[in-house]
Amino acid sequence: MRDPCRSRVLESALALALMRQCGSGHRDERDRLVRYLERHRGGEGLMDTAVAAVALGRNTGRPSSRQALEDVVSRVPDFTGGRKRALVHAVFAMLGAAVAQDDVDPHTFDAGTLHPWAGVQSVAVKAILGRVAGGAPADRDDVTLLASTQRPGTVWEGNLFIHLSVLHALLDVPGMEGAVDAGLRTALMHQREDGGLPFVTDTDTWCTVTAGLALSSAGAPREVLHRIARHLVHVQRANGGWSYTDRAQLSDTDCTTVAIEFLHHLDADAYRAPIRHALEALVAVRGTDGGFPTYGSGTPSEACMTAAAINALSTEGHHRHHHLIQAALRFLADRQNPDGSFPPGWSSSRLHTVFRAYLAARHHRQSAPAVRDMSGRIADLVRNAQNADGGFGQHNGAPSDAISTAYALIVLAGQLDAAPASRATGYLLGQQRPDGSIVSVPDMLGPRPFPYHVPLLTDAFALLALGHLTPRLRPSRVVMPGRRHSSARSAQRTAP
């Protein structure tokens, strides 16, 4: 399932700054980038607005770079706060408008404690901030690591944000001029029709697992589902997991868990071997706290990934992984906020983790009281968050959007009162275009908390929500309005 990642201000601005510092060629591409940023310099997000203004040399208004920095840090998980603060400092330094730096914890740049993507990003940030501070140039090991990500024509791990950050870090390193020029040409291979650059080259595997599960829940033809499954088996990583794109080697819990669910529901016997291999990969990254991280053993466990892991492990029944599931449920319940939500994950919408946690708890209704309480708080949160138009927003008080509404509908479909689900469905279907696609705001984050947009994901989650709703529908016979005492005409209608 393929749908290109749309352009984003952040990468477009970094590419423009790099072109200006390199000072040669690519005139048409540069002009297109400028026009893209001109169209987006009045964006809704503080970060986008500040970045576009700085990149275009118009950093005279509001919001300031400092405001943008504080806004970013306020929306990330606690364990990433220090790194994100340093990252935003580096972004404005790359754009030539360094923000007055805070004291940075030296451990922020310890790549040995991070997964490979974050490790490379941190080394690049350290080099950029070191240059701004007038410190010593990047040491040989750091340069070697950064240079190892550069191969003409290939964006390392499909991540253009990291790719451009590395090029900025290598700008003043003697002997790296050719690598920087080749890297810039590689980045421009992914310039979109609107003139901007995206966050990543693609999210084809994430789209495939998500859409595959949605299509399965909606009763799509099995031959279509098996085609999807065969593709997933083909791109399964050597360790048994899946990454967001087949261009990347680092597997992640998100893609792996949804792939397990999809393959199991489609044909657990036919796909027994890849499922078993994937479950081994999932269990291998489990934290000592009972939770699951996004990437790699030893990295911090997260609520959203833990809920996803419970849902994947539960496909084999309640007994096979009982002790893992119960420990994960306890971790999840401990991380729930008083209002029923959870700490920030990989979605702009608080309802993304909420629906996954709800499904995880629903699989285990006989669990400890804390798990039942967690499920009850989730249901209360969703019921109380519904807007007057029937939809749901990304956070409390936010206007309704389709993808947040889809997340909420998955929870509402399991409630006794059908009215909230009916209203949410009405809103969701009201966002559908004639071609069947669903209109929504960007939702996925990468790196957190910067949103990126792949429209197919909205379609997939909307379809998944409708698939969860379908078992609640029943055919009913209703009498169509007609003349009094005339023979009544009846028609089939689905009713909640």
Protein backbone atom coordinates (compact mmCIF):
# COMPACT_ATOMS: atom_id res chain seq x y z
CA MET A 1 0.00 0.00 0.00
CA ARG A 2 1.80 3.08 -1.23
CA ASP A 3 1.10 6.75 -0.61
CA PRO A 4 3.91 9.35 -0.62
CA CYS A 5 4.71 11.28 2.53
CA ARG A 6 3.73 14.89 1.87
CA SER A 7 6.13 17.85 1.97
CA ARG A 8 6.97 19.47 5.29
CA VAL A 9 8.29 22.91 6.26
CA LEU A 10 11.09 21.54 8.46
CA GLU A 11 12.97 19.54 5.82
CA SER A 12 12.25 22.13 3.13
CA ALA A 13 13.81 24.88 5.24
CA LEU A 14 16.88 22.76 6.09
CA ALA A 15 17.40 21.94 2.43
CA LEU A 16 17.12 25.60 1.43
CA ALA A 17 19.65 26.63 4.09
CA LEU A 18 22.03 23.91 2.91
CA MET A 19 21.76 25.02 -0.71
CA ARG A 20 22.51 28.60 0.26
CA GLN A 21 25.58 27.58 2.24
CA CYS A 22 26.85 25.32 -0.52
CA GLY A 23 26.41 28.26 -2.86
CA SER A 24 26.21 26.59 -6.23
CA GLY A 25 23.72 25.06 -8.67
CA HIS A 26 20.21 23.73 -8.15
CA ARG A 27 18.65 27.09 -8.98
CA ASP A 28 15.30 25.71 -10.10
CA GLU A 29 15.02 23.43 -7.05
CA ARG A 30 15.94 26.36 -4.78
CA ASP A 31 13.27 28.60 -6.30
CA ARG A 32 10.66 25.88 -5.85
CA LEU A 33 11.64 25.47 -2.20
CA VAL A 34 11.30 29.22 -1.65
CA ARG A 35 7.83 29.24 -3.18
CA TYR A 36 6.79 26.28 -1.03
CA LEU A 37 7.96 28.01 2.15
CA GLU A 38 6.29 31.26 1.12
CA ARG A 39 2.99 29.41 0.89
CA HIS A 40 3.47 27.84 4.33
CA ARG A 41 5.01 30.61 6.40
CA GLY A 42 1.64 31.39 7.95
CA GLY A 43 1.13 27.82 9.15
CA GLU A 44 -0.76 26.89 12.28
CA GLY A 45 2.15 25.40 14.24
CA LEU A 46 4.58 27.66 16.10
CA MET A 47 7.56 25.64 14.91
CA ASP A 48 6.57 25.68 11.23
CA THR A 49 5.86 29.40 11.33
CA ALA A 50 9.17 30.24 13.01
CA VAL A 51 11.21 27.89 10.80
CA ALA A 52 9.68 29.20 7.56
CA ALA A 53 10.23 32.81 8.65
CA VAL A 54 13.88 32.19 9.52
CA ALA A 55 14.55 30.22 6.32
CA LEU A 56 13.08 33.06 4.25
CA GLY A 57 14.99 35.73 6.16
CA ARG A 58 11.87 37.22 7.70
CA ASN A 59 12.35 36.45 11.37
CA THR A 60 10.99 39.79 12.54
CA GLY A 61 7.55 38.77 13.73
CA ARG A 62 6.06 36.21 16.05
CA PRO A 63 6.37 33.47 17.12
CA SER A 64 10.00 33.69 18.16
CA SER A 65 12.46 30.84 17.97
CA ARG A 66 12.39 30.65 21.76
CA GLN A 67 8.60 30.28 21.78
CA ALA A 68 8.86 27.53 19.18
CA LEU A 69 11.48 25.72 21.25
CA GLU A 70 9.35 25.77 24.40
CA ASP A 71 6.29 24.64 22.46
CA VAL A 72 8.16 21.64 21.05
CA VAL A 73 9.60 20.54 24.38
CA SER A 74 6.19 20.78 26.06
CA ARG A 75 4.77 18.13 23.71
CA VAL A 76 7.31 15.31 23.91
CA PRO A 77 7.68 12.34 26.26
CA ASP A 78 9.72 13.16 29.36
CA PHE A 79 12.56 10.85 28.40
CA THR A 80 13.16 12.71 25.12
CA GLY A 81 12.88 16.27 26.50
CA GLY A 82 16.62 16.98 26.74
CA ARG A 83 17.34 15.64 23.27
CA LYS A 84 14.46 17.56 21.71
CA ARG A 85 15.60 20.79 23.31
CA ALA A 86 19.09 20.31 21.84
CA LEU A 87 17.56 19.30 18.50
CA VAL A 88 15.50 22.49 18.21
CA HIS A 89 18.57 24.56 19.09
CA ALA A 90 20.38 22.76 16.28
CA VAL A 91 17.54 23.33 13.79
CA PHE A 92 17.72 27.10 14.23
CA ALA A 93 21.52 26.95 14.15
CA MET A 94 21.32 25.14 10.79
CA LEU A 95 19.05 27.92 9.56
CA GLY A 96 21.54 30.56 10.71
CA ALA A 97 19.48 31.87 13.64
CA ALA A 98 20.83 30.15 16.72
CA VAL A 99 18.74 30.45 19.88
CA ALA A 100 20.51 31.30 23.13
CA GLN A 101 21.39 27.88 24.46
CA ASP A 102 20.40 26.34 27.74
CA ASP A 103 22.77 24.11 29.63
CA VAL A 104 22.76 20.75 27.85
CA ASP A 105 23.17 17.55 29.82
CA PRO A 106 26.30 15.82 28.43
CA HIS A 107 24.41 12.50 28.42
CA THR A 108 22.09 14.00 25.78
CA PHE A 109 24.74 13.21 23.17
CA ASP A 110 25.65 9.73 24.41
CA ALA A 111 24.84 7.79 21.23
CA GLY A 112 25.73 4.50 22.89
CA THR A 113 22.47 4.56 24.89
CA LEU A 114 20.24 5.33 21.87
CA HIS A 115 18.84 3.38 18.97
CA PRO A 116 20.73 3.94 15.66
CA TRP A 117 18.52 6.73 14.28
CA ALA A 118 18.58 8.76 17.49
CA GLY A 119 22.31 8.03 17.85
CA VAL A 120 23.18 9.49 14.45
CA GLN A 121 20.85 12.43 15.01
CA SER A 122 22.47 13.20 18.38
CA VAL A 123 25.98 13.10 16.94
CA ALA A 124 24.89 15.50 14.18
CA VAL A 125 23.28 17.83 16.74
CA LYS A 126 26.40 17.76 18.90
CA ALA A 127 28.58 18.72 15.92
CA ILE A 128 26.24 21.56 14.87
CA LEU A 129 25.93 23.04 18.35
CA GLY A 130 29.66 22.64 18.90
CA ARG A 131 30.35 24.66 15.77
CA VAL A 132 27.98 27.42 16.91
CA ALA A 133 29.66 27.55 20.31
CA GLY A 134 33.09 27.86 18.67
CA GLY A 135 34.30 24.56 20.11
CA ALA A 136 36.60 21.97 18.61
CA PRO A 137 35.54 20.41 15.30
CA ALA A 138 33.75 17.06 15.37
CA ASP A 139 36.10 14.26 16.37
CA ARG A 140 37.16 11.57 13.94
CA ASP A 141 34.81 8.87 15.26
CA ASP A 142 31.81 11.18 14.98
CA VAL A 143 32.74 12.17 11.43
CA THR A 144 33.17 8.52 10.50
CA LEU A 145 29.71 7.69 11.88
CA LEU A 146 28.06 10.59 10.06
CA ALA A 147 29.85 9.88 6.79
CA SER A 148 28.82 6.21 6.97
CA THR A 149 25.20 7.28 6.40
CA GLN A 150 26.01 8.90 3.08
CA ARG A 151 25.66 6.93 -0.15
CA PRO A 152 24.83 8.77 -3.40
CA GLY A 153 21.24 8.15 -4.43
CA THR A 154 20.21 6.62 -1.09
CA VAL A 155 18.67 8.33 1.92
CA TRP A 156 19.90 6.47 5.01
CA GLU A 157 17.00 4.57 6.60
CA GLY A 158 14.66 6.59 4.37
CA ASN A 159 14.83 9.52 6.82
CA LEU A 160 15.36 12.88 5.10
CA PHE A 161 15.36 14.82 8.35
CA ILE A 162 18.38 12.89 9.64
CA HIS A 163 19.96 12.96 6.17
CA LEU A 164 19.82 16.76 6.00
CA SER A 165 21.00 17.13 9.60
CA VAL A 166 24.06 15.00 8.83
CA LEU A 167 24.88 17.12 5.78
CA HIS A 168 24.72 20.28 7.88
CA ALA A 169 27.00 18.66 10.47
CA LEU A 170 29.55 17.78 7.77
CA LEU A 171 29.51 21.21 6.10
CA ASP A 172 32.72 22.51 7.65
CA VAL A 173 34.58 19.19 7.86
CA PRO A 174 37.63 19.19 5.54
CA GLY A 175 37.37 16.60 2.82
CA MET A 176 33.59 16.20 3.13
CA GLU A 177 32.67 18.69 0.40
CA GLY A 178 31.98 15.97 -2.15
CA ALA A 179 29.85 13.96 0.26
CA VAL A 180 27.77 17.03 1.13
CA ASP A 181 27.21 17.90 -2.51
CA ALA A 182 26.24 14.33 -3.38
CA GLY A 183 23.98 14.18 -0.32
CA LEU A 184 22.20 17.36 -1.37
CA ARG A 185 21.59 15.95 -4.84
CA THR A 186 20.20 12.79 -3.22
CA ALA A 187 17.82 14.82 -1.05
CA LEU A 188 16.56 16.79 -4.05
CA MET A 189 15.62 13.52 -5.77
CA HIS A 190 12.71 13.49 -3.31
CA GLN A 191 11.48 17.03 -3.91
CA ARG A 192 7.71 16.88 -4.30
CA GLU A 193 5.60 18.49 -6.99
CA ASP A 194 4.67 21.32 -4.63
CA GLY A 195 8.36 22.20 -4.27
CA GLY A 196 8.83 20.95 -0.70
CA LEU A 197 10.68 18.02 0.79
CA PRO A 198 9.10 15.34 3.01
CA PHE A 199 10.14 13.96 6.38
CA VAL A 200 10.78 10.47 5.00
CA THR A 201 10.97 8.95 1.55
CA ASP A 202 7.90 6.81 2.24
CA THR A 203 6.00 4.92 4.93
CA ASP A 204 4.99 2.03 2.68
CA THR A 205 5.30 -0.76 5.25
CA TRP A 206 3.46 1.15 7.98
CA CYS A 207 0.72 1.95 5.47
CA THR A 208 0.60 -1.70 4.39
CA VAL A 209 0.24 -3.23 7.85
CA THR A 210 -2.32 -0.63 8.93
CA ALA A 211 -4.37 -0.83 5.75
CA GLY A 212 -4.08 -4.62 5.73
CA LEU A 213 -5.59 -4.89 9.22
CA ALA A 214 -8.30 -2.37 8.27
CA LEU A 215 -9.19 -4.21 5.07
CA SER A 216 -9.31 -7.48 6.98
CA SER A 217 -11.69 -6.00 9.56
CA ALA A 218 -13.89 -4.68 6.75
CA GLY A 219 -14.14 -8.05 4.96
CA ALA A 220 -11.99 -7.34 1.90
CA PRO A 221 -11.49 -10.22 -0.56
CA ARG A 222 -9.07 -12.80 0.79
CA GLU A 223 -7.00 -12.86 -2.39
CA VAL A 224 -6.27 -9.16 -1.84
CA LEU A 225 -5.34 -9.77 1.79
CA HIS A 226 -3.02 -12.63 0.87
CA ARG A 227 -1.27 -10.41 -1.68
CA ILE A 228 -0.63 -7.92 1.11
CA ALA A 229 0.55 -10.70 3.43
CA ARG A 230 3.01 -12.09 0.87
CA HIS A 231 4.51 -8.62 0.47
CA LEU A 232 4.90 -8.27 4.23
CA VAL A 233 6.65 -11.63 4.48
CA HIS A 234 8.98 -10.48 1.71
CA VAL A 235 9.99 -7.27 3.54
CA GLN A 236 10.23 -8.79 7.04
CA ARG A 237 13.57 -7.81 8.57
CA ALA A 238 16.21 -10.41 9.48
CA ASN A 239 15.45 -10.05 13.20
CA GLY A 240 11.78 -10.88 12.60
CA GLY A 241 10.39 -7.36 12.88
CA TRP A 242 9.24 -4.78 10.36
CA SER A 243 10.27 -1.19 9.79
CA TYR A 244 8.07 1.67 8.59
CA THR A 245 9.60 1.35 5.09
CA ASP A 246 11.46 -1.37 3.25
CA ARG A 247 14.26 1.19 2.80
CA ALA A 248 15.05 0.98 6.53
CA GLN A 249 16.72 -1.81 8.48
CA LEU A 250 15.78 -0.80 12.04
CA SER A 251 12.55 -2.59 12.96
CA ASP A 252 10.02 -1.00 15.27
CA THR A 253 7.35 -2.23 17.65
CA ASP A 254 4.58 -0.30 15.90
CA CYS A 255 4.88 -2.02 12.53
CA THR A 256 5.79 -5.40 14.00
CA THR A 257 2.76 -5.62 16.28
CA VAL A 258 0.24 -4.63 13.62
CA ALA A 259 1.82 -7.05 11.12
CA ILE A 260 1.45 -9.86 13.68
CA GLU A 261 -2.22 -9.03 14.18
CA PHE A 262 -2.91 -8.87 10.46
CA LEU A 263 -1.15 -12.15 9.58
CA HIS A 264 -2.76 -13.95 12.52
CA HIS A 265 -6.28 -12.84 11.66
CA LEU A 266 -5.79 -13.65 7.99
CA ASP A 267 -4.36 -17.18 8.35
CA ALA A 268 -2.43 -18.10 11.49
CA ASP A 269 -1.46 -21.51 10.09
CA ALA A 270 -0.26 -20.34 6.68
CA TYR A 271 1.87 -17.58 8.22
CA ARG A 272 2.96 -19.49 11.33
CA ALA A 273 6.70 -19.09 10.68
CA PRO A 274 6.81 -15.30 10.10
CA ILE A 275 4.42 -14.76 13.02
CA ARG A 276 6.62 -16.81 15.36
CA HIS A 277 9.74 -14.96 14.18
CA ALA A 278 8.00 -11.61 14.72
CA LEU A 279 6.83 -12.55 18.20
CA GLU A 280 10.41 -13.48 19.09
CA ALA A 281 11.55 -10.05 17.89
CA LEU A 282 8.83 -8.37 19.94
CA VAL A 283 9.61 -10.24 23.15
CA ALA A 284 13.34 -9.53 22.66
CA VAL A 285 12.82 -5.76 23.14
CA ARG A 286 10.61 -6.04 26.23
CA GLY A 287 11.76 -3.81 29.08
CA THR A 288 12.51 -4.93 32.61
CA ASP A 289 9.55 -2.76 33.71
CA GLY A 290 7.16 -4.98 31.76
CA GLY A 291 6.59 -2.38 29.04
CA PHE A 292 7.72 -2.24 25.42
CA PRO A 293 9.73 0.47 23.64
CA THR A 294 9.46 1.66 20.06
CA TYR A 295 13.01 0.69 19.13
CA GLY A 296 15.41 -1.82 20.56
CA SER A 297 16.07 -3.49 23.86
CA GLY A 298 17.15 -1.14 26.63
CA THR A 299 15.35 1.94 25.30
CA PRO A 300 12.49 3.46 27.35
CA SER A 301 9.16 1.64 27.41
CA GLU A 302 6.14 3.57 26.16
CA ALA A 303 2.42 3.28 26.81
CA CYS A 304 1.35 3.20 23.15
CA MET A 305 3.89 0.55 22.18
CA THR A 306 3.03 -1.52 25.23
CA ALA A 307 -0.66 -1.49 24.32
CA ALA A 308 0.25 -2.50 20.76
CA ALA A 309 2.43 -5.34 22.09
CA ILE A 310 -0.39 -6.64 24.29
CA ASN A 311 -2.71 -6.72 21.29
CA ALA A 312 -0.14 -8.66 19.26
CA LEU A 313 0.71 -11.12 22.04
CA SER A 314 -2.99 -11.71 22.69
CA THR A 315 -3.47 -13.19 19.21
CA GLU A 316 -2.06 -16.46 20.56
CA GLY A 317 -4.59 -16.66 23.39
CA HIS A 318 -4.48 -15.65 27.03
CA HIS A 319 -2.18 -18.41 28.26
CA ARG A 320 0.75 -18.53 25.84
CA HIS A 321 2.22 -15.20 26.98
CA HIS A 322 0.19 -14.73 30.17
CA HIS A 323 3.02 -13.43 32.37
CA LEU A 324 4.24 -10.99 29.68
CA ILE A 325 0.73 -9.69 29.05
CA GLN A 326 -0.13 -9.20 32.70
CA ALA A 327 3.13 -7.33 33.38
CA ALA A 328 2.48 -5.16 30.31
CA LEU A 329 -1.08 -4.42 31.47
CA ARG A 330 0.25 -3.32 34.85
CA PHE A 331 2.79 -1.06 33.14
CA LEU A 332 0.02 0.43 30.99
CA ALA A 333 -2.32 1.03 33.93
CA ASP A 334 0.49 2.69 35.89
CA ARG A 335 1.14 5.11 33.01
CA GLN A 336 -2.45 6.28 32.61
CA ASN A 337 -3.10 9.91 33.49
CA PRO A 338 -5.96 10.81 35.89
CA ASP A 339 -8.10 12.02 32.97
CA GLY A 340 -7.85 8.62 31.24
CA SER A 341 -5.23 9.62 28.66
CA PHE A 342 -1.60 8.50 28.42
CA PRO A 343 1.79 10.21 27.91
CA PRO A 344 2.54 11.50 24.38
CA GLY A 345 3.21 8.86 21.76
CA TRP A 346 3.69 8.91 18.00
CA SER A 347 0.39 10.64 17.23
CA SER A 348 -0.76 14.23 17.65
CA SER A 349 -4.04 12.84 18.95
CA ARG A 350 -4.27 11.66 22.54
CA LEU A 351 -6.93 9.19 21.34
CA HIS A 352 -4.44 7.04 19.39
CA THR A 353 -2.88 5.47 22.48
CA VAL A 354 -6.31 5.50 24.14
CA PHE A 355 -7.94 3.21 21.55
CA ARG A 356 -5.00 0.79 21.56
CA ALA A 357 -5.02 0.62 25.35
CA TYR A 358 -8.78 0.06 25.31
CA LEU A 359 -8.40 -2.89 22.95
CA ALA A 360 -5.56 -4.28 25.06
CA ALA A 361 -7.71 -4.17 28.20
CA ARG A 362 -10.76 -5.56 26.41
CA HIS A 363 -8.83 -8.72 25.52
CA HIS A 364 -8.31 -9.33 29.25
CA ARG A 365 -11.54 -8.43 31.06
CA GLN A 366 -10.71 -10.76 33.94
CA SER A 367 -7.47 -8.96 34.79
CA ALA A 368 -6.70 -7.04 37.97
CA PRO A 369 -9.02 -4.24 39.14
CA ALA A 370 -6.45 -1.65 38.03
CA VAL A 371 -6.85 -2.83 34.43
CA ARG A 372 -10.65 -2.68 34.64
CA ASP A 373 -10.38 0.80 36.13
CA MET A 374 -8.10 1.82 33.28
CA SER A 375 -10.68 0.66 30.75
CA GLY A 376 -13.43 2.54 32.56
CA ARG A 377 -11.43 5.77 32.60
CA ILE A 378 -10.79 5.39 28.87
CA ALA A 379 -14.50 5.01 28.15
CA ASP A 380 -15.30 8.06 30.31
CA LEU A 381 -12.63 10.15 28.59
CA VAL A 382 -13.96 9.32 25.13
CA ARG A 383 -17.60 9.88 26.01
CA ASN A 384 -16.81 13.26 27.57
CA ALA A 385 -14.54 14.38 24.71
CA GLN A 386 -17.15 14.20 21.94
CA ASN A 387 -17.77 17.53 20.26
CA ALA A 388 -21.18 18.92 19.37
CA ASP A 389 -20.73 17.88 15.73
CA GLY A 390 -20.24 14.25 16.76
CA GLY A 391 -16.53 14.24 16.05
CA PHE A 392 -13.41 14.32 18.21
CA GLY A 393 -10.34 16.55 18.23
CA GLN A 394 -6.67 15.83 18.89
CA HIS A 395 -6.86 17.23 22.41
CA ASN A 396 -9.41 18.68 24.80
CA GLY A 397 -11.17 21.62 23.16
CA ALA A 398 -9.68 21.01 19.70
CA PRO A 399 -11.96 21.04 16.64
CA SER A 400 -13.06 17.69 15.31
CA ASP A 401 -10.94 15.84 12.76
CA ALA A 402 -11.51 12.56 10.98
CA ILE A 403 -8.59 10.50 12.25
CA SER A 404 -9.15 11.39 15.93
CA THR A 405 -12.80 10.53 15.41
CA ALA A 406 -11.82 7.16 13.94
CA TYR A 407 -9.71 6.42 17.02
CA ALA A 408 -12.61 7.34 19.30
CA LEU A 409 -15.11 5.32 17.29
CA ILE A 410 -13.11 2.14 17.93
CA VAL A 411 -13.73 2.69 21.65
CA LEU A 412 -17.36 3.77 21.22
CA ALA A 413 -18.15 0.70 19.12
CA GLY A 414 -17.63 -1.41 22.23
CA GLN A 415 -19.97 0.59 24.48
CA LEU A 416 -23.59 -0.32 25.30
CA ASP A 417 -24.96 3.12 24.39
CA ALA A 418 -25.01 3.26 20.60
CA ALA A 419 -25.85 6.96 20.30
CA PRO A 420 -22.28 8.36 20.66
CA ALA A 421 -20.99 5.84 18.09
CA SER A 422 -23.80 6.78 15.71
CA ARG A 423 -22.96 10.48 16.02
CA ALA A 424 -19.24 9.84 15.53
CA THR A 425 -19.98 7.73 12.46
CA GLY A 426 -22.08 10.51 11.02
CA TYR A 427 -19.24 12.98 11.45
CA LEU A 428 -16.67 10.56 9.99
CA LEU A 429 -18.73 9.79 6.90
CA GLY A 430 -19.26 13.51 6.43
CA GLN A 431 -15.51 13.86 5.83
CA GLN A 432 -15.53 11.37 2.96
CA ARG A 433 -14.77 12.51 -0.57
CA PRO A 434 -16.56 11.10 -3.64
CA ASP A 435 -13.56 8.85 -4.35
CA GLY A 436 -13.91 7.23 -0.91
CA SER A 437 -10.91 8.90 0.76
CA ILE A 438 -11.22 10.71 4.09
CA VAL A 439 -10.11 14.31 4.69
CA SER A 440 -8.17 14.94 7.91
CA VAL A 441 -5.39 16.91 9.53
CA PRO A 442 -1.83 15.47 9.78
CA ASP A 443 -1.56 13.13 12.73
CA MET A 444 1.58 10.98 12.79
CA LEU A 445 4.71 12.45 14.42
CA GLY A 446 8.35 12.06 13.47
CA PRO A 447 10.56 12.92 15.13
CA ARG A 448 8.25 13.75 18.00
CA PRO A 449 6.43 16.16 18.14
CA PHE A 450 6.68 17.23 14.46
CA PRO A 451 3.61 16.08 12.47
CA TYR A 452 3.92 14.56 9.03
CA HIS A 453 1.14 13.65 6.62
CA VAL A 454 0.40 10.44 4.71
CA PRO A 455 -3.31 10.70 3.74
CA LEU A 456 -3.73 6.94 3.24
CA LEU A 457 -3.31 6.45 7.00
CA THR A 458 -6.50 8.43 7.63
CA ASP A 459 -8.35 6.18 5.19
CA ALA A 460 -6.94 3.08 6.89
CA PHE A 461 -7.85 4.11 10.43
CA ALA A 462 -11.31 5.25 9.33
CA LEU A 463 -11.88 1.88 7.68
CA LEU A 464 -10.54 0.09 10.76
CA ALA A 465 -13.01 2.00 12.94
CA LEU A 466 -15.91 1.12 10.64
CA GLY A 467 -14.74 -2.50 10.77
CA HIS A 468 -14.99 -2.42 14.56
CA LEU A 469 -18.45 -0.88 14.28
CA THR A 470 -19.81 -3.44 11.80
CA PRO A 471 -20.52 -6.21 14.38
CA ARG A 472 -22.80 -3.73 16.21
CA LEU A 473 -24.99 -3.29 13.13
CA ARG A 474 -27.98 -5.50 12.40
CA PRO A 475 -30.44 -5.53 9.50
CA SER A 476 -33.88 -4.28 10.44
CA ARG A 477 -37.12 -3.88 8.58
CA VAL A 478 -38.54 -0.38 8.65
CA VAL A 479 -41.74 0.94 7.12
CA MET A 480 -41.14 3.67 4.60
CA PRO A 481 -43.42 6.74 4.89
CA GLY A 482 -46.46 6.49 2.68
CA ARG A 483 -50.14 7.27 2.47
CA ARG A 484 -52.17 6.40 5.55
CA HIS A 485 -53.86 2.97 5.37
CA SER A 486 -52.09 2.17 2.08
CA SER A 487 -50.07 -1.01 1.73
CA ALA A 488 -46.78 -0.26 3.43
CA ARG A 489 -43.55 -0.59 1.52
CA SER A 490 -40.65 -2.03 3.54
CA ALA A 491 -36.94 -1.67 3.01
CA GLN A 492 -33.77 -3.08 4.51
CA ARG A 493 -31.74 -0.73 6.68
CA THR A 494 -28.85 -1.29 9.03
CA ALA A 495 -29.51 -0.07 12.55
CA PRO A 496 -27.33 0.04 15.65
